[in-house]
């Protein structure tokens, strides 16, 4: 499970930096990392209330920024199936539910992951703006 953390105002922020002749790469990395950390914390906190398992803990992502090419960065949040596939699958089932499962009973969707991402949108935007304002002063 992954989520995009870039706000729609991100391009505007980058343009402000470019006008000030600032090196965008380290600033973009900082903005993504701080945004991702807040979102991952919210996902983890939300997961606690929804049948949070040891396996889910083992599959949590520690957000790190990856450079894809010269002008593109990526930062993942959520649960990583490479770290613990059972934990990541558990997170998916808790988030989306198991409406067709007959054995062991159905599990209702909680959308804990989706809700955490939506709830942190304004915080992510505020962090990104704050970082740009600090750098462009």
Protein backbone atom coordinates (compact mmCIF):
# COMPACT_ATOMS: atom_id res chain seq x y z
CA UNK A 1 0.00 0.00 0.00
CA UNK A 2 1.44 3.31 -1.06
CA UNK A 3 0.27 6.89 -1.13
CA UNK A 4 1.24 9.94 -3.07
CA UNK A 5 2.38 12.76 -0.81
CA UNK A 6 2.77 15.59 -3.30
CA UNK A 7 0.22 18.34 -2.91
CA UNK A 8 -1.26 20.06 -5.94
CA UNK A 9 0.52 23.25 -4.84
CA UNK A 10 3.91 21.54 -5.02
CA UNK A 11 4.65 22.89 -8.50
CA UNK A 12 4.01 26.45 -7.31
CA UNK A 13 6.44 25.95 -4.43
CA UNK A 14 9.12 24.61 -6.77
CA UNK A 15 8.65 27.59 -9.09
CA UNK A 16 9.20 29.99 -6.15
CA UNK A 17 12.46 28.23 -5.38
CA UNK A 18 13.58 28.33 -9.01
CA UNK A 19 12.96 32.09 -9.14
CA UNK A 20 15.30 32.53 -6.17
CA UNK A 21 17.94 30.37 -7.92
CA UNK A 22 17.80 27.80 -5.12
CA UNK A 23 18.90 24.21 -5.60
CA UNK A 24 15.54 22.48 -5.61
CA UNK A 25 16.72 18.88 -5.02
CA UNK A 26 17.70 19.07 -1.31
CA UNK A 27 14.68 21.23 -0.52
CA UNK A 28 12.29 18.85 -2.30
CA UNK A 29 13.84 15.91 -0.44
CA UNK A 30 13.37 17.68 2.90
CA UNK A 31 9.76 18.57 2.07
CA UNK A 32 8.95 15.00 1.05
CA UNK A 33 10.70 13.43 4.05
CA UNK A 34 8.99 15.63 6.62
CA UNK A 35 5.61 15.19 4.90
CA UNK A 36 6.06 11.44 4.74
CA UNK A 37 7.08 11.19 8.39
CA UNK A 38 3.88 12.92 9.51
CA UNK A 39 1.77 10.74 7.26
CA UNK A 40 3.47 7.50 8.36
CA UNK A 41 2.96 8.45 12.01
CA UNK A 42 -0.74 9.03 11.34
CA UNK A 43 -1.03 5.70 9.51
CA UNK A 44 0.66 3.89 12.40
CA UNK A 45 -1.54 5.64 14.98
CA UNK A 46 -4.68 4.88 13.01
CA UNK A 47 -3.64 1.26 12.55
CA UNK A 48 -3.40 0.84 16.33
CA UNK A 49 -7.16 1.12 16.62
CA UNK A 50 -7.81 -1.42 13.86
CA UNK A 51 -6.50 -4.83 14.84
CA UNK A 52 -2.87 -3.79 14.57
CA UNK A 53 -0.70 -6.89 14.50
CA UNK A 54 2.97 -7.58 15.18
CA UNK A 55 3.28 -8.49 11.50
CA UNK A 56 1.95 -5.08 10.49
CA UNK A 57 4.56 -3.44 12.73
CA UNK A 58 7.28 -5.45 11.00
CA UNK A 59 6.09 -4.29 7.59
CA UNK A 60 5.89 -0.55 8.37
CA UNK A 61 7.83 1.63 5.99
CA UNK A 62 10.40 4.06 7.32
CA UNK A 63 9.95 6.89 4.83
CA UNK A 64 13.06 7.56 2.80
CA UNK A 65 13.38 9.81 -0.22
CA UNK A 66 14.56 8.22 -3.45
CA UNK A 67 15.68 10.20 -6.47
CA UNK A 68 14.12 8.71 -9.59
CA UNK A 69 15.79 11.07 -12.09
CA UNK A 70 17.12 14.63 -12.11
CA UNK A 71 13.77 16.23 -11.36
CA UNK A 72 11.75 13.47 -9.75
CA UNK A 73 11.73 12.17 -6.19
CA UNK A 74 9.66 9.53 -4.46
CA UNK A 75 8.92 8.85 -0.82
CA UNK A 76 6.80 5.88 0.19
CA UNK A 77 4.61 5.45 3.24
CA UNK A 78 2.53 2.54 4.45
CA UNK A 79 3.43 -1.10 4.71
CA UNK A 80 6.06 -2.92 2.67
CA UNK A 81 5.39 -6.43 1.43
CA UNK A 82 9.14 -6.99 1.00
CA UNK A 83 9.70 -6.44 4.73
CA UNK A 84 6.86 -8.72 5.84
CA UNK A 85 4.35 -9.90 3.25
CA UNK A 86 1.91 -11.19 5.87
CA UNK A 87 1.94 -7.85 7.67
CA UNK A 88 1.38 -5.91 4.47
CA UNK A 89 -1.46 -8.24 3.46
CA UNK A 90 -3.01 -7.83 6.92
CA UNK A 91 -2.88 -4.05 6.48
CA UNK A 92 -4.63 -4.37 3.11
CA UNK A 93 -7.37 -6.59 4.52
CA UNK A 94 -7.91 -4.31 7.53
CA UNK A 95 -8.03 -1.25 5.27
CA UNK A 96 -10.25 -2.63 2.49
CA UNK A 97 -12.06 -5.41 4.37
CA UNK A 98 -12.83 -8.92 3.21
CA UNK A 99 -16.43 -8.74 1.98
CA UNK A 100 -16.31 -12.02 0.02
CA UNK A 101 -14.57 -14.15 2.63
CA UNK A 102 -16.78 -16.97 3.88
CA UNK A 103 -14.34 -18.81 6.14
CA UNK A 104 -13.39 -17.12 9.44
CA UNK A 105 -15.99 -14.39 8.91
CA UNK A 106 -16.01 -11.14 7.03
CA UNK A 107 -13.98 -8.10 8.03
CA UNK A 108 -15.45 -4.68 7.38
CA UNK A 109 -13.32 -2.09 5.63
CA UNK A 110 -11.83 0.48 8.00
CA UNK A 111 -10.03 2.64 5.45
CA UNK A 112 -7.56 3.53 8.22
CA UNK A 113 -4.80 4.03 5.67
CA UNK A 114 -6.84 6.24 3.36
CA UNK A 115 -8.22 8.29 6.25
CA UNK A 116 -4.77 8.91 7.70
CA UNK A 117 -3.54 10.19 4.35
CA UNK A 118 -6.53 12.53 3.97
CA UNK A 119 -6.24 13.75 7.56
CA UNK A 120 -2.60 14.76 7.09
CA UNK A 121 -3.07 16.58 3.77
CA UNK A 122 -3.25 20.04 5.34
CA UNK A 123 -0.26 19.30 7.59
CA UNK A 124 1.78 18.15 4.60
CA UNK A 125 0.88 21.29 2.68
CA UNK A 126 1.75 23.50 5.67
CA UNK A 127 5.13 21.81 6.14
CA UNK A 128 5.97 22.18 2.48
CA UNK A 129 5.02 25.87 2.46
CA UNK A 130 6.96 26.52 5.68
CA UNK A 131 10.12 24.95 4.28
CA UNK A 132 9.87 26.93 1.04
CA UNK A 133 9.22 30.18 2.93
CA UNK A 134 12.27 29.58 5.14
CA UNK A 135 14.46 28.97 2.11
CA UNK A 136 13.13 31.82 -0.02
CA UNK A 137 13.50 34.57 2.60
